[in-house]
Amino acid sequence: MPRHQAEVQIAAPSSTDLRHNPLFLTHIPNSLQRCWAEINLAAFERNLKRIQAALPLDVRYVAVVKADAYGHGMPQMVRRLMQSGVDYFAVANVHEAADIRHMGKGWPILILSPLLPEEDQFLVDYDLIGTVSTPEEAARFSTLGASRDVPIKVHLKIDTGMGRLGIWHEKALALLRTIRELPNLKLEGIYTHFSSADSERQFTRIQRQRFLTILDQTDTTGLLIHADNSASLNTLSGDSPFNAVRIGLLQFGVRPYPDSLLGNVEVEPVFSFHTRVGIVKDLPVGTDISYGRTCSLKRDTRIAVLTAGYADGIPLKLSNTGTVLLDGQHCPILGRVTMDQTIIV
């Protein structure tokens, strides 16, 4: 399906008259919702098995579950990832990491974003792994380790062209030496992030080579080396130094571009959005549809109005381009998606 399209499952309208329902103002049962999301846990578990089967045996699975597992619900997703035997978890912040730690001990949890100074203590409290991008962070974490009399586990991140986190690649070796010399720091991994893996192969090659150049100049024995996500993975073979891959959207059924090593993994969508048909009516040829009159009917047409719009998560960019599923049939979206209603044919 083209990227600009989306499938929206449509349920039949309820015959219940909400105006005469005394519970309407205080509580609406799930069966009366105008729109809702569903998560298919069975599909998620099948995706995990297929991804694991596609990875080389010596490559570790780093499950990225930041932002509430990409909006799918972290507790439910993490529990199944634990049951499937993934090796690592990666999150955006200490709050997400603490949620995972409360669900189970033993799994390494890498924080991909910088920590605020007042959050440093949670590296020890929840046995977490921090990302180091600057000498100041390295010194801070070392001081924390000394004050708590424990080694602080860290990964060094190298900026190879993303321009976000990480030490700029030309300065990476100096920071790497600093980390290894500072007391109370335990270097467990080195990683980078590709900015355009699914669209700019040449620049991705440049980023990869910058990273490899640094790795060639240091001892990586025993370290987790990761650069790839689902979209960029294509180098885990032969004498490659990479021994882990970060898996995010692929887990939830969003496939990367086909040239990725994981591009041919048959994953299924986990998330589906559902809404109801509010009304069905007939309109004559020439009728303009929705705001801006961006669609004009070419013939007499029966249209349906859905009870969800962009305020509920249907993207505006699907106006005049997206489709929904109604009783298993693809139905085009007509005109502009409005705040709480969408017109289909």
C-alpha atoms as a PDB file:
ATOM      1  CA  MET A   1       0.000   0.000   0.000  1.00  0.00           C
ATOM      2  CA  PRO A   2       1.433   3.471  -0.846  1.00  0.00           C
ATOM      3  CA  ARG A   3       2.695   5.441   2.124  1.00  0.00           C
ATOM      4  CA  HIS A   4       0.004   8.086   1.767  1.00  0.00           C
ATOM      5  CA  GLN A   5      -2.747   5.544   2.273  1.00  0.00           C
ATOM      6  CA  ALA A   6      -4.040   4.146   5.524  1.00  0.00           C
ATOM      7  CA  GLU A   7      -6.464   1.408   6.358  1.00  0.00           C
ATOM      8  CA  VAL A   8      -9.186   2.321   8.821  1.00  0.00           C
ATOM      9  CA  GLN A   9     -11.441  -0.476   9.993  1.00  0.00           C
ATOM     10  CA  ILE A  10     -15.093   0.588  10.021  1.00  0.00           C
ATOM     11  CA  ALA A  11     -17.712  -0.774  12.380  1.00  0.00           C
ATOM     12  CA  ALA A  12     -21.459  -0.666  11.820  1.00  0.00           C
ATOM     13  CA  PRO A  13     -23.304   2.233  13.478  1.00  0.00           C
ATOM     14  CA  SER A  14     -24.924   1.521  16.804  1.00  0.00           C
ATOM     15  CA  SER A  15     -28.682   1.657  16.990  1.00  0.00           C
ATOM     16  CA  THR A  16     -28.533   2.945  20.569  1.00  0.00           C
ATOM     17  CA  ASP A  17     -29.955   6.462  20.947  1.00  0.00           C
ATOM     18  CA  LEU A  18     -27.379   8.210  23.122  1.00  0.00           C
ATOM     19  CA  ARG A  19     -29.647  11.198  23.742  1.00  0.00           C
ATOM     20  CA  HIS A  20     -31.849   9.012  25.953  1.00  0.00           C
ATOM     21  CA  ASN A  21     -29.015   7.143  27.665  1.00  0.00           C
ATOM     22  CA  PRO A  22     -28.704   8.402  31.281  1.00  0.00           C
ATOM     23  CA  LEU A  23     -25.066   7.215  31.344  1.00  0.00           C
ATOM     24  CA  PHE A  24     -24.074   9.302  28.352  1.00  0.00           C
ATOM     25  CA  LEU A  25     -22.876  12.308  30.320  1.00  0.00           C
ATOM     26  CA  THR A  26     -20.800  10.325  32.797  1.00  0.00           C
ATOM     27  CA  HIS A  27     -19.664   7.097  31.170  1.00  0.00           C
ATOM     28  CA  ILE A  28     -19.735   5.600  27.687  1.00  0.00           C
ATOM     29  CA  PRO A  29     -19.229   1.829  27.456  1.00  0.00           C
ATOM     30  CA  ASN A  30     -16.579   0.650  25.018  1.00  0.00           C
ATOM     31  CA  SER A  31     -19.306  -0.783  22.799  1.00  0.00           C
ATOM     32  CA  LEU A  32     -20.599   2.755  22.214  1.00  0.00           C
ATOM     33  CA  GLN A  33     -17.295   4.462  21.366  1.00  0.00           C
ATOM     34  CA  ARG A  34     -17.258   6.473  18.149  1.00  0.00           C
ATOM     35  CA  CYS A  35     -13.662   5.454  17.420  1.00  0.00           C
ATOM     36  CA  TRP A  36     -10.994   3.303  19.057  1.00  0.00           C
ATOM     37  CA  ALA A  37      -7.633   1.610  18.523  1.00  0.00           C
ATOM     38  CA  GLU A  38      -6.940  -2.097  18.768  1.00  0.00           C
ATOM     39  CA  ILE A  39      -3.602  -3.860  19.351  1.00  0.00           C
ATOM     40  CA  ASN A  40      -3.194  -7.372  17.952  1.00  0.00           C
ATOM     41  CA  LEU A  41      -0.890  -9.100  20.420  1.00  0.00           C
ATOM     42  CA  ALA A  42      -0.879 -12.349  18.464  1.00  0.00           C
ATOM     43  CA  ALA A  43       0.405 -10.511  15.391  1.00  0.00           C
ATOM     44  CA  PHE A  44       3.067  -8.835  17.532  1.00  0.00           C
ATOM     45  CA  GLU A  45       4.291 -12.184  18.818  1.00  0.00           C
ATOM     46  CA  ARG A  46       4.425 -13.600  15.284  1.00  0.00           C
ATOM     47  CA  ASN A  47       6.460 -10.568  14.177  1.00  0.00           C
ATOM     48  CA  LEU A  48       8.976 -11.134  16.961  1.00  0.00           C
ATOM     49  CA  LYS A  49       9.489 -14.762  15.986  1.00  0.00           C
ATOM     50  CA  ARG A  50      10.022 -13.857  12.327  1.00  0.00           C
ATOM     51  CA  ILE A  51      12.498 -11.080  13.130  1.00  0.00           C
ATOM     52  CA  GLN A  52      14.479 -13.325  15.471  1.00  0.00           C
ATOM     53  CA  ALA A  53      14.584 -16.059  12.838  1.00  0.00           C
ATOM     54  CA  ALA A  54      15.967 -13.563  10.292  1.00  0.00           C
ATOM     55  CA  LEU A  55      18.814 -12.345  12.516  1.00  0.00           C
ATOM     56  CA  PRO A  56      22.188 -14.109  12.543  1.00  0.00           C
ATOM     57  CA  LEU A  57      22.677 -16.183  15.675  1.00  0.00           C
ATOM     58  CA  ASP A  58      25.477 -13.978  17.019  1.00  0.00           C
ATOM     59  CA  VAL A  59      23.538 -10.727  16.614  1.00  0.00           C
ATOM     60  CA  ARG A  60      21.754  -9.375  19.662  1.00  0.00           C
ATOM     61  CA  TYR A  61      18.231  -8.023  19.484  1.00  0.00           C
ATOM     62  CA  VAL A  62      17.890  -4.535  21.000  1.00  0.00           C
ATOM     63  CA  ALA A  63      14.155  -3.869  21.304  1.00  0.00           C
ATOM     64  CA  VAL A  64      13.422  -0.152  21.047  1.00  0.00           C
ATOM     65  CA  VAL A  65      10.236   0.590  22.992  1.00  0.00           C
ATOM     66  CA  LYS A  66      10.430   4.332  23.535  1.00  0.00           C
ATOM     67  CA  ALA A  67       7.341   6.569  23.446  1.00  0.00           C
ATOM     68  CA  ASP A  68       5.074   3.962  25.018  1.00  0.00           C
ATOM     69  CA  ALA A  69       6.344   1.324  22.582  1.00  0.00           C
ATOM     70  CA  TYR A  70       5.605   3.626  19.650  1.00  0.00           C
ATOM     71  CA  GLY A  71       2.125   4.187  21.008  1.00  0.00           C
ATOM     72  CA  HIS A  72       1.252   0.505  21.277  1.00  0.00           C
ATOM     73  CA  GLY A  73       1.330   0.300  25.078  1.00  0.00           C
ATOM     74  CA  MET A  74       4.641  -0.376  26.771  1.00  0.00           C
ATOM     75  CA  PRO A  75       3.587  -2.833  29.525  1.00  0.00           C
ATOM     76  CA  GLN A  76       1.878  -5.247  27.136  1.00  0.00           C
ATOM     77  CA  MET A  77       4.600  -5.017  24.499  1.00  0.00           C
ATOM     78  CA  VAL A  78       7.517  -5.320  26.944  1.00  0.00           C
ATOM     79  CA  ARG A  79       6.069  -8.368  28.673  1.00  0.00           C
ATOM     80  CA  ARG A  80       5.849 -10.193  25.364  1.00  0.00           C
ATOM     81  CA  LEU A  81       9.323  -9.073  24.354  1.00  0.00           C
ATOM     82  CA  MET A  82      10.628 -10.483  27.628  1.00  0.00           C
ATOM     83  CA  GLN A  83       8.821 -13.743  27.001  1.00  0.00           C
ATOM     84  CA  SER A  84      10.297 -13.924  23.493  1.00  0.00           C
ATOM     85  CA  GLY A  85      13.832 -13.612  24.855  1.00  0.00           C
ATOM     86  CA  VAL A  86      15.123 -10.357  23.397  1.00  0.00           C
ATOM     87  CA  ASP A  87      18.571  -9.329  24.609  1.00  0.00           C
ATOM     88  CA  TYR A  88      18.293  -5.614  25.325  1.00  0.00           C
ATOM     89  CA  PHE A  89      15.766  -2.853  25.716  1.00  0.00           C
ATOM     90  CA  ALA A  90      16.303   0.727  24.546  1.00  0.00           C
ATOM     91  CA  VAL A  91      14.217   3.685  25.689  1.00  0.00           C
ATOM     92  CA  ALA A  92      14.233   7.465  25.514  1.00  0.00           C
ATOM     93  CA  ASN A  93      14.414   8.365  29.203  1.00  0.00           C
ATOM     94  CA  VAL A  94      14.714   7.118  32.772  1.00  0.00           C
ATOM     95  CA  HIS A  95      10.962   7.167  33.306  1.00  0.00           C
ATOM     96  CA  GLU A  96      10.439   4.600  30.561  1.00  0.00           C
ATOM     97  CA  ALA A  97      13.406   2.618  31.839  1.00  0.00           C
ATOM     98  CA  ALA A  98      11.992   2.518  35.370  1.00  0.00           C
ATOM     99  CA  ASP A  99       8.703   1.146  34.031  1.00  0.00           C
ATOM    100  CA  ILE A 100      10.561  -1.718  32.360  1.00  0.00           C
ATOM    101  CA  ARG A 101      12.676  -2.428  35.417  1.00  0.00           C
ATOM    102  CA  HIS A 102       9.550  -2.759  37.524  1.00  0.00           C
ATOM    103  CA  MET A 103       8.406  -5.493  35.119  1.00  0.00           C
ATOM    104  CA  GLY A 104      11.550  -7.570  35.385  1.00  0.00           C
ATOM    105  CA  LYS A 105      15.150  -7.762  36.503  1.00  0.00           C
ATOM    106  CA  GLY A 106      18.162  -8.793  34.479  1.00  0.00           C
ATOM    107  CA  TRP A 107      17.499  -7.194  31.102  1.00  0.00           C
ATOM    108  CA  PRO A 108      19.973  -4.501  30.112  1.00  0.00           C
ATOM    109  CA  ILE A 109      18.166  -1.196  29.496  1.00  0.00           C
ATOM    110  CA  LEU A 110      19.916   1.466  27.412  1.00  0.00           C
ATOM    111  CA  ILE A 111      18.780   5.078  27.606  1.00  0.00           C
ATOM    112  CA  LEU A 112      19.172   6.566  24.134  1.00  0.00           C
ATOM    113  CA  SER A 113      18.663  10.215  25.133  1.00  0.00           C
ATOM    114  CA  PRO A 114      20.778  12.459  27.367  1.00  0.00           C
ATOM    115  CA  LEU A 115      20.046  12.418  31.076  1.00  0.00           C
ATOM    116  CA  LEU A 116      19.282  15.581  32.968  1.00  0.00           C
ATOM    117  CA  PRO A 117      21.713  15.957  35.900  1.00  0.00           C
ATOM    118  CA  GLU A 118      18.958  15.349  38.439  1.00  0.00           C
ATOM    119  CA  GLU A 119      18.150  12.062  36.689  1.00  0.00           C
ATOM    120  CA  ASP A 120      21.661  10.614  36.981  1.00  0.00           C
ATOM    121  CA  GLN A 121      20.916   8.838  40.253  1.00  0.00           C
ATOM    122  CA  PHE A 122      18.399   6.572  38.504  1.00  0.00           C
ATOM    123  CA  LEU A 123      21.233   4.913  36.580  1.00  0.00           C
ATOM    124  CA  VAL A 124      22.173   3.313  39.886  1.00  0.00           C
ATOM    125  CA  ASP A 125      18.704   3.008  41.413  1.00  0.00           C
ATOM    126  CA  TYR A 126      17.353   1.050  38.430  1.00  0.00           C
ATOM    127  CA  ASP A 127      20.572  -0.503  37.111  1.00  0.00           C
ATOM    128  CA  LEU A 128      20.461   1.326  33.766  1.00  0.00           C
ATOM    129  CA  ILE A 129      22.929   2.025  30.966  1.00  0.00           C
ATOM    130  CA  GLY A 130      23.550   5.653  30.054  1.00  0.00           C
ATOM    131  CA  THR A 131      24.579   7.168  26.748  1.00  0.00           C
ATOM    132  CA  VAL A 132      27.691   9.353  26.757  1.00  0.00           C
ATOM    133  CA  SER A 133      28.014  12.049  24.089  1.00  0.00           C
ATOM    134  CA  THR A 134      30.285  14.586  25.815  1.00  0.00           C
ATOM    135  CA  PRO A 135      33.269  14.693  28.193  1.00  0.00           C
ATOM    136  CA  GLU A 136      31.051  16.481  30.699  1.00  0.00           C
ATOM    137  CA  GLU A 137      28.609  13.576  30.795  1.00  0.00           C
ATOM    138  CA  ALA A 138      31.460  11.121  31.252  1.00  0.00           C
ATOM    139  CA  ALA A 139      32.828  13.120  34.188  1.00  0.00           C
ATOM    140  CA  ARG A 140      29.361  13.451  35.720  1.00  0.00           C
ATOM    141  CA  PHE A 141      28.686   9.742  35.562  1.00  0.00           C
ATOM    142  CA  SER A 142      32.111   8.963  37.002  1.00  0.00           C
ATOM    143  CA  THR A 143      31.408  11.262  39.935  1.00  0.00           C
ATOM    144  CA  LEU A 144      28.080   9.505  40.451  1.00  0.00           C
ATOM    145  CA  GLY A 145      29.808   6.127  40.462  1.00  0.00           C
ATOM    146  CA  ALA A 146      32.292   7.315  43.066  1.00  0.00           C
ATOM    147  CA  SER A 147      29.548   8.690  45.302  1.00  0.00           C
ATOM    148  CA  ARG A 148      27.537   5.452  45.137  1.00  0.00           C
ATOM    149  CA  ASP A 149      30.581   3.144  45.029  1.00  0.00           C
ATOM    150  CA  VAL A 150      29.378   1.333  41.899  1.00  0.00           C
ATOM    151  CA  PRO A 151      30.559   1.313  38.272  1.00  0.00           C
ATOM    152  CA  ILE A 152      28.236   3.234  35.934  1.00  0.00           C
ATOM    153  CA  LYS A 153      27.508   1.319  32.741  1.00  0.00           C
ATOM    154  CA  VAL A 154      27.613   3.416  29.575  1.00  0.00           C
ATOM    155  CA  HIS A 155      27.555   3.282  25.797  1.00  0.00           C
ATOM    156  CA  LEU A 156      29.529   5.824  23.819  1.00  0.00           C
ATOM    157  CA  LYS A 157      27.512   7.405  21.028  1.00  0.00           C
ATOM    158  CA  ILE A 158      29.327   8.761  17.987  1.00  0.00           C
ATOM    159  CA  ASP A 159      27.839  11.429  15.727  1.00  0.00           C
ATOM    160  CA  THR A 160      28.661  10.347  12.173  1.00  0.00           C
ATOM    161  CA  GLY A 161      26.363  12.850  10.502  1.00  0.00           C
ATOM    162  CA  MET A 162      23.011  12.892  12.277  1.00  0.00           C
ATOM    163  CA  GLY A 163      23.885  16.145  14.032  1.00  0.00           C
ATOM    164  CA  ARG A 164      21.945  15.261  17.155  1.00  0.00           C
ATOM    165  CA  LEU A 165      23.421  13.235  20.023  1.00  0.00           C
ATOM    166  CA  GLY A 166      26.884  11.745  20.118  1.00  0.00           C
ATOM    167  CA  ILE A 167      30.435  13.038  20.093  1.00  0.00           C
ATOM    168  CA  TRP A 168      31.464  14.280  16.642  1.00  0.00           C
ATOM    169  CA  HIS A 169      33.312  11.419  14.974  1.00  0.00           C
ATOM    170  CA  GLU A 170      36.574  13.346  14.632  1.00  0.00           C
ATOM    171  CA  LYS A 171      36.695  13.725  18.439  1.00  0.00           C
ATOM    172  CA  ALA A 172      35.400  10.275  19.314  1.00  0.00           C
ATOM    173  CA  LEU A 173      38.724   8.556  20.011  1.00  0.00           C
ATOM    174  CA  ALA A 174      39.675  11.202  22.577  1.00  0.00           C
ATOM    175  CA  LEU A 175      36.388  10.753  24.443  1.00  0.00           C
ATOM    176  CA  LEU A 176      36.738   6.988  24.211  1.00  0.00           C
ATOM    177  CA  ARG A 177      40.127   7.208  25.938  1.00  0.00           C
ATOM    178  CA  THR A 178      38.639   9.483  28.596  1.00  0.00           C
ATOM    179  CA  ILE A 179      35.850   7.011  29.349  1.00  0.00           C
ATOM    180  CA  ARG A 180      38.314   4.151  29.694  1.00  0.00           C
ATOM    181  CA  GLU A 181      40.569   6.171  31.980  1.00  0.00           C
ATOM    182  CA  LEU A 182      37.880   7.558  34.283  1.00  0.00           C
ATOM    183  CA  PRO A 183      37.246   5.518  37.415  1.00  0.00           C
ATOM    184  CA  ASN A 184      33.790   4.156  38.087  1.00  0.00           C
ATOM    185  CA  LEU A 185      32.766   3.994  34.411  1.00  0.00           C
ATOM    186  CA  LYS A 186      32.178   0.706  32.631  1.00  0.00           C
ATOM    187  CA  LEU A 187      32.094   0.954  28.838  1.00  0.00           C
ATOM    188  CA  GLU A 188      29.677  -1.666  27.507  1.00  0.00           C
ATOM    189  CA  GLY A 189      28.991  -0.470  23.980  1.00  0.00           C
ATOM    190  CA  ILE A 190      29.614   1.941  21.126  1.00  0.00           C
ATOM    191  CA  TYR A 191      26.968   3.064  18.664  1.00  0.00           C
ATOM    192  CA  THR A 192      25.882   5.596  16.080  1.00  0.00           C
ATOM    193  CA  HIS A 193      22.664   6.521  14.292  1.00  0.00           C
ATOM    194  CA  PHE A 194      22.020   6.801  10.558  1.00  0.00           C
ATOM    195  CA  SER A 195      19.951   9.799   9.516  1.00  0.00           C
ATOM    196  CA  SER A 196      18.662   8.695   6.105  1.00  0.00           C
ATOM    197  CA  ALA A 197      19.098   4.940   5.827  1.00  0.00           C
ATOM    198  CA  ASP A 198      15.904   4.466   3.838  1.00  0.00           C
ATOM    199  CA  SER A 199      16.475   7.298   1.366  1.00  0.00           C
ATOM    200  CA  GLU A 200      20.164   8.242   0.978  1.00  0.00           C
ATOM    201  CA  ARG A 201      22.366   5.207   0.485  1.00  0.00           C
ATOM    202  CA  GLN A 202      25.486   7.200  -0.350  1.00  0.00           C
ATOM    203  CA  PHE A 203      25.313   9.292   2.821  1.00  0.00           C
ATOM    204  CA  THR A 204      24.566   6.182   4.877  1.00  0.00           C
ATOM    205  CA  ARG A 205      27.742   4.615   3.441  1.00  0.00           C
ATOM    206  CA  ILE A 206      29.672   7.727   4.483  1.00  0.00           C
ATOM    207  CA  GLN A 207      28.271   7.532   8.009  1.00  0.00           C
ATOM    208  CA  ARG A 208      29.015   3.831   8.218  1.00  0.00           C
ATOM    209  CA  GLN A 209      32.583   4.320   7.063  1.00  0.00           C
ATOM    210  CA  ARG A 210      33.184   7.088   9.594  1.00  0.00           C
ATOM    211  CA  PHE A 211      32.002   4.726  12.327  1.00  0.00           C
ATOM    212  CA  LEU A 212      34.086   1.815  11.053  1.00  0.00           C
ATOM    213  CA  THR A 213      37.190   4.019  10.900  1.00  0.00           C
ATOM    214  CA  ILE A 214      36.880   4.702  14.627  1.00  0.00           C
ATOM    215  CA  LEU A 215      36.214   1.065  15.462  1.00  0.00           C
ATOM    216  CA  ASP A 216      39.320   0.043  13.517  1.00  0.00           C
ATOM    217  CA  GLN A 217      41.425   2.194  15.859  1.00  0.00           C
ATOM    218  CA  THR A 218      40.242   0.762  19.152  1.00  0.00           C
ATOM    219  CA  ASP A 219      39.701  -2.523  20.925  1.00  0.00           C
ATOM    220  CA  THR A 220      36.022  -3.465  20.782  1.00  0.00           C
ATOM    221  CA  THR A 221      36.334  -6.847  22.471  1.00  0.00           C
ATOM    222  CA  GLY A 222      33.335  -7.550  24.660  1.00  0.00           C
ATOM    223  CA  LEU A 223      31.470  -4.408  23.584  1.00  0.00           C
ATOM    224  CA  LEU A 224      28.034  -4.164  22.049  1.00  0.00           C
ATOM    225  CA  ILE A 225      28.545  -2.502  18.654  1.00  0.00           C
ATOM    226  CA  HIS A 226      25.390  -1.238  16.987  1.00  0.00           C
ATOM    227  CA  ALA A 227      24.658   1.218  14.242  1.00  0.00           C
ATOM    228  CA  ASP A 228      21.712  -0.243  12.404  1.00  0.00           C
ATOM    229  CA  ASN A 229      18.013  -0.102  12.849  1.00  0.00           C
ATOM    230  CA  SER A 230      15.412  -2.015  10.859  1.00  0.00           C
ATOM    231  CA  ALA A 231      15.835   0.201   7.796  1.00  0.00           C
ATOM    232  CA  SER A 232      19.621   0.218   7.531  1.00  0.00           C
ATOM    233  CA  LEU A 233      20.575  -3.326   8.486  1.00  0.00           C
ATOM    234  CA  ASN A 234      22.616  -4.900   5.694  1.00  0.00           C
ATOM    235  CA  THR A 235      26.100  -5.543   7.066  1.00  0.00           C
ATOM    236  CA  LEU A 236      25.811  -8.264   9.690  1.00  0.00           C
ATOM    237  CA  SER A 237      27.917 -10.881   7.963  1.00  0.00           C
ATOM    238  CA  GLY A 238      31.495 -12.003   7.581  1.00  0.00           C
ATOM    239  CA  ASP A 239      33.981  -9.957   9.569  1.00  0.00           C
ATOM    240  CA  SER A 240      31.542  -7.167  10.400  1.00  0.00           C
ATOM    241  CA  PRO A 241      32.193  -5.652  13.862  1.00  0.00           C
ATOM    242  CA  PHE A 242      28.475  -5.092  14.412  1.00  0.00           C
ATOM    243  CA  ASN A 243      26.935  -7.554  16.845  1.00  0.00           C
ATOM    244  CA  ALA A 244      23.567  -5.960  17.638  1.00  0.00           C
ATOM    245  CA  VAL A 245      20.706  -4.263  15.854  1.00  0.00           C
ATOM    246  CA  ARG A 246      18.092  -1.876  17.188  1.00  0.00           C
ATOM    247  CA  ILE A 247      14.606  -3.005  16.201  1.00  0.00           C
ATOM    248  CA  GLY A 248      11.785  -0.488  16.555  1.00  0.00           C
ATOM    249  CA  LEU A 249       8.925  -0.036  14.106  1.00  0.00           C
ATOM    250  CA  LEU A 250       9.517  -3.385  12.412  1.00  0.00           C
ATOM    251  CA  GLN A 251       8.263  -5.130  15.561  1.00  0.00           C
ATOM    252  CA  PHE A 252       4.925  -3.411  15.106  1.00  0.00           C
ATOM    253  CA  GLY A 253       4.503  -4.295  11.442  1.00  0.00           C
ATOM    254  CA  VAL A 254       6.068  -1.281   9.722  1.00  0.00           C
ATOM    255  CA  ARG A 255       8.469  -2.707   7.160  1.00  0.00           C
ATOM    256  CA  PRO A 256      11.729  -0.935   6.190  1.00  0.00           C
ATOM    257  CA  TYR A 257      12.814  -0.284   2.655  1.00  0.00           C
ATOM    258  CA  PRO A 258      13.337  -3.514   0.672  1.00  0.00           C
ATOM    259  CA  ASP A 259      17.153  -3.399   0.479  1.00  0.00           C
ATOM    260  CA  SER A 260      17.460  -3.787   4.239  1.00  0.00           C
ATOM    261  CA  LEU A 261      18.487  -7.199   5.492  1.00  0.00           C
ATOM    262  CA  LEU A 262      15.119  -7.269   7.255  1.00  0.00           C
ATOM    263  CA  GLY A 263      13.187  -5.778   4.350  1.00  0.00           C
ATOM    264  CA  ASN A 264      11.725  -9.125   3.367  1.00  0.00           C
ATOM    265  CA  VAL A 265      10.607 -10.209   6.822  1.00  0.00           C
ATOM    266  CA  GLU A 266       6.868 -10.848   6.613  1.00  0.00           C
ATOM    267  CA  VAL A 267       5.548  -8.765   9.484  1.00  0.00           C
ATOM    268  CA  GLU A 268       1.924  -7.905  10.173  1.00  0.00           C
ATOM    269  CA  PRO A 269       0.371  -4.639  11.348  1.00  0.00           C
ATOM    270  CA  VAL A 270      -0.177  -4.678  15.088  1.00  0.00           C
ATOM    271  CA  PHE A 271      -2.129  -1.442  15.427  1.00  0.00           C
ATOM    272  CA  SER A 272      -5.501  -0.810  13.826  1.00  0.00           C
ATOM    273  CA  PHE A 273      -7.817   2.188  14.108  1.00  0.00           C
ATOM    274  CA  HIS A 274     -11.580   1.722  14.026  1.00  0.00           C
ATOM    275  CA  THR A 275     -14.490   4.104  13.687  1.00  0.00           C
ATOM    276  CA  ARG A 276     -18.190   3.994  12.885  1.00  0.00           C
ATOM    277  CA  VAL A 277     -20.362   5.111  10.007  1.00  0.00           C
ATOM    278  CA  GLY A 278     -22.478   8.047  11.176  1.00  0.00           C
ATOM    279  CA  ILE A 279     -24.736   8.516   8.163  1.00  0.00           C
ATOM    280  CA  VAL A 280     -25.059   7.372   4.565  1.00  0.00           C
ATOM    281  CA  LYS A 281     -26.632   9.685   1.983  1.00  0.00           C
ATOM    282  CA  ASP A 282     -26.930  10.307  -1.760  1.00  0.00           C
ATOM    283  CA  LEU A 283     -25.495  13.420  -3.419  1.00  0.00           C
ATOM    284  CA  PRO A 284     -25.909  14.670  -7.014  1.00  0.00           C
ATOM    285  CA  VAL A 285     -23.179  15.059  -9.621  1.00  0.00           C
ATOM    286  CA  GLY A 286     -21.175  18.289  -9.221  1.00  0.00           C
ATOM    287  CA  THR A 287     -21.504  18.458  -5.424  1.00  0.00           C
ATOM    288  CA  ASP A 288     -18.360  19.846  -3.757  1.00  0.00           C
ATOM    289  CA  ILE A 289     -17.109  17.825  -0.781  1.00  0.00           C
ATOM    290  CA  SER A 290     -15.749  19.151   2.524  1.00  0.00           C
ATOM    291  CA  TYR A 291     -13.707  22.260   3.350  1.00  0.00           C
ATOM    292  CA  GLY A 292     -11.928  24.012   0.531  1.00  0.00           C
ATOM    293  CA  ARG A 293     -14.042  22.249  -2.122  1.00  0.00           C
ATOM    294  CA  THR A 294     -11.052  20.155  -3.132  1.00  0.00           C
ATOM    295  CA  CYS A 295     -13.254  17.334  -4.423  1.00  0.00           C
ATOM    296  CA  SER A 296     -16.226  17.538  -6.779  1.00  0.00           C
ATOM    297  CA  LEU A 297     -18.416  14.526  -7.514  1.00  0.00           C
ATOM    298  CA  LYS A 298     -18.199  13.317 -11.101  1.00  0.00           C
ATOM    299  CA  ARG A 299     -21.498  11.415 -10.866  1.00  0.00           C
ATOM    300  CA  ASP A 300     -24.429  10.895  -8.568  1.00  0.00           C
ATOM    301  CA  THR A 301     -22.817   9.262  -5.531  1.00  0.00           C
ATOM    302  CA  ARG A 302     -23.705   7.561  -2.279  1.00  0.00           C
ATOM    303  CA  ILE A 303     -21.285   8.750   0.431  1.00  0.00           C
ATOM    304  CA  ALA A 304     -20.757   7.785   4.060  1.00  0.00           C
ATOM    305  CA  VAL A 305     -19.644  10.065   6.891  1.00  0.00           C
ATOM    306  CA  LEU A 306     -17.354   8.496   9.487  1.00  0.00           C
ATOM    307  CA  THR A 307     -17.422   9.569  13.125  1.00  0.00           C
ATOM    308  CA  ALA A 308     -13.686  10.337  13.370  1.00  0.00           C
ATOM    309  CA  GLY A 309     -11.347  12.939  11.910  1.00  0.00           C
ATOM    310  CA  TYR A 310      -7.941  14.486  12.375  1.00  0.00           C
ATOM    311  CA  ALA A 311      -8.589  15.188  16.072  1.00  0.00           C
ATOM    312  CA  ASP A 312      -8.874  11.434  16.499  1.00  0.00           C
ATOM    313  CA  GLY A 313      -5.681  10.672  14.602  1.00  0.00           C
ATOM    314  CA  ILE A 314      -6.718  10.398  10.934  1.00  0.00           C
ATOM    315  CA  PRO A 315      -3.959  12.409   9.198  1.00  0.00           C
ATOM    316  CA  LEU A 316      -4.925  15.459   7.177  1.00  0.00           C
ATOM    317  CA  LYS A 317      -2.558  14.295   4.446  1.00  0.00           C
ATOM    318  CA  LEU A 318      -4.975  11.454   3.696  1.00  0.00           C
ATOM    319  CA  SER A 319      -7.429  14.011   2.334  1.00  0.00           C
ATOM    320  CA  ASN A 320      -8.411  12.925  -1.201  1.00  0.00           C
ATOM    321  CA  THR A 321      -5.672  10.260  -1.181  1.00  0.00           C
ATOM    322  CA  GLY A 322      -6.222   7.762   1.617  1.00  0.00           C
ATOM    323  CA  THR A 323      -8.524   4.777   1.774  1.00  0.00           C
ATOM    324  CA  VAL A 324     -10.389   3.017   4.547  1.00  0.00           C
ATOM    325  CA  LEU A 325     -11.699  -0.515   4.837  1.00  0.00           C
ATOM    326  CA  LEU A 326     -15.472  -0.870   5.023  1.00  0.00           C
ATOM    327  CA  ASP A 327     -16.646  -4.475   5.238  1.00  0.00           C
ATOM    328  CA  GLY A 328     -13.307  -5.519   3.713  1.00  0.00           C
ATOM    329  CA  GLN A 329     -13.585  -3.137   0.749  1.00  0.00           C
ATOM    330  CA  HIS A 330     -11.197  -0.233   0.107  1.00  0.00           C
ATOM    331  CA  CYS A 331     -13.168   3.022   0.107  1.00  0.00           C
ATOM    332  CA  PRO A 332     -11.483   6.308  -0.930  1.00  0.00           C
ATOM    333  CA  ILE A 333     -11.535   9.348   1.331  1.00  0.00           C
ATOM    334  CA  LEU A 334     -13.299  12.260  -0.376  1.00  0.00           C
ATOM    335  CA  GLY A 335     -12.232  15.837   0.223  1.00  0.00           C
ATOM    336  CA  ARG A 336     -10.490  17.170   3.265  1.00  0.00           C
ATOM    337  CA  VAL A 337     -10.431  15.177   6.507  1.00  0.00           C
ATOM    338  CA  THR A 338     -12.208  17.358   9.057  1.00  0.00           C
ATOM    339  CA  MET A 339     -11.721  17.588  12.796  1.00  0.00           C
ATOM    340  CA  ASP A 340     -14.136  14.861  13.848  1.00  0.00           C
ATOM    341  CA  GLN A 341     -15.632  13.513  10.618  1.00  0.00           C
ATOM    342  CA  THR A 342     -14.324  11.982   7.409  1.00  0.00           C
ATOM    343  CA  ILE A 343     -16.213  11.434   4.165  1.00  0.00           C
ATOM    344  CA  ILE A 344     -15.769   8.277   2.117  1.00  0.00           C
ATOM    345  CA  VAL A 345     -17.319   6.779  -0.984  1.00  0.00           C
END
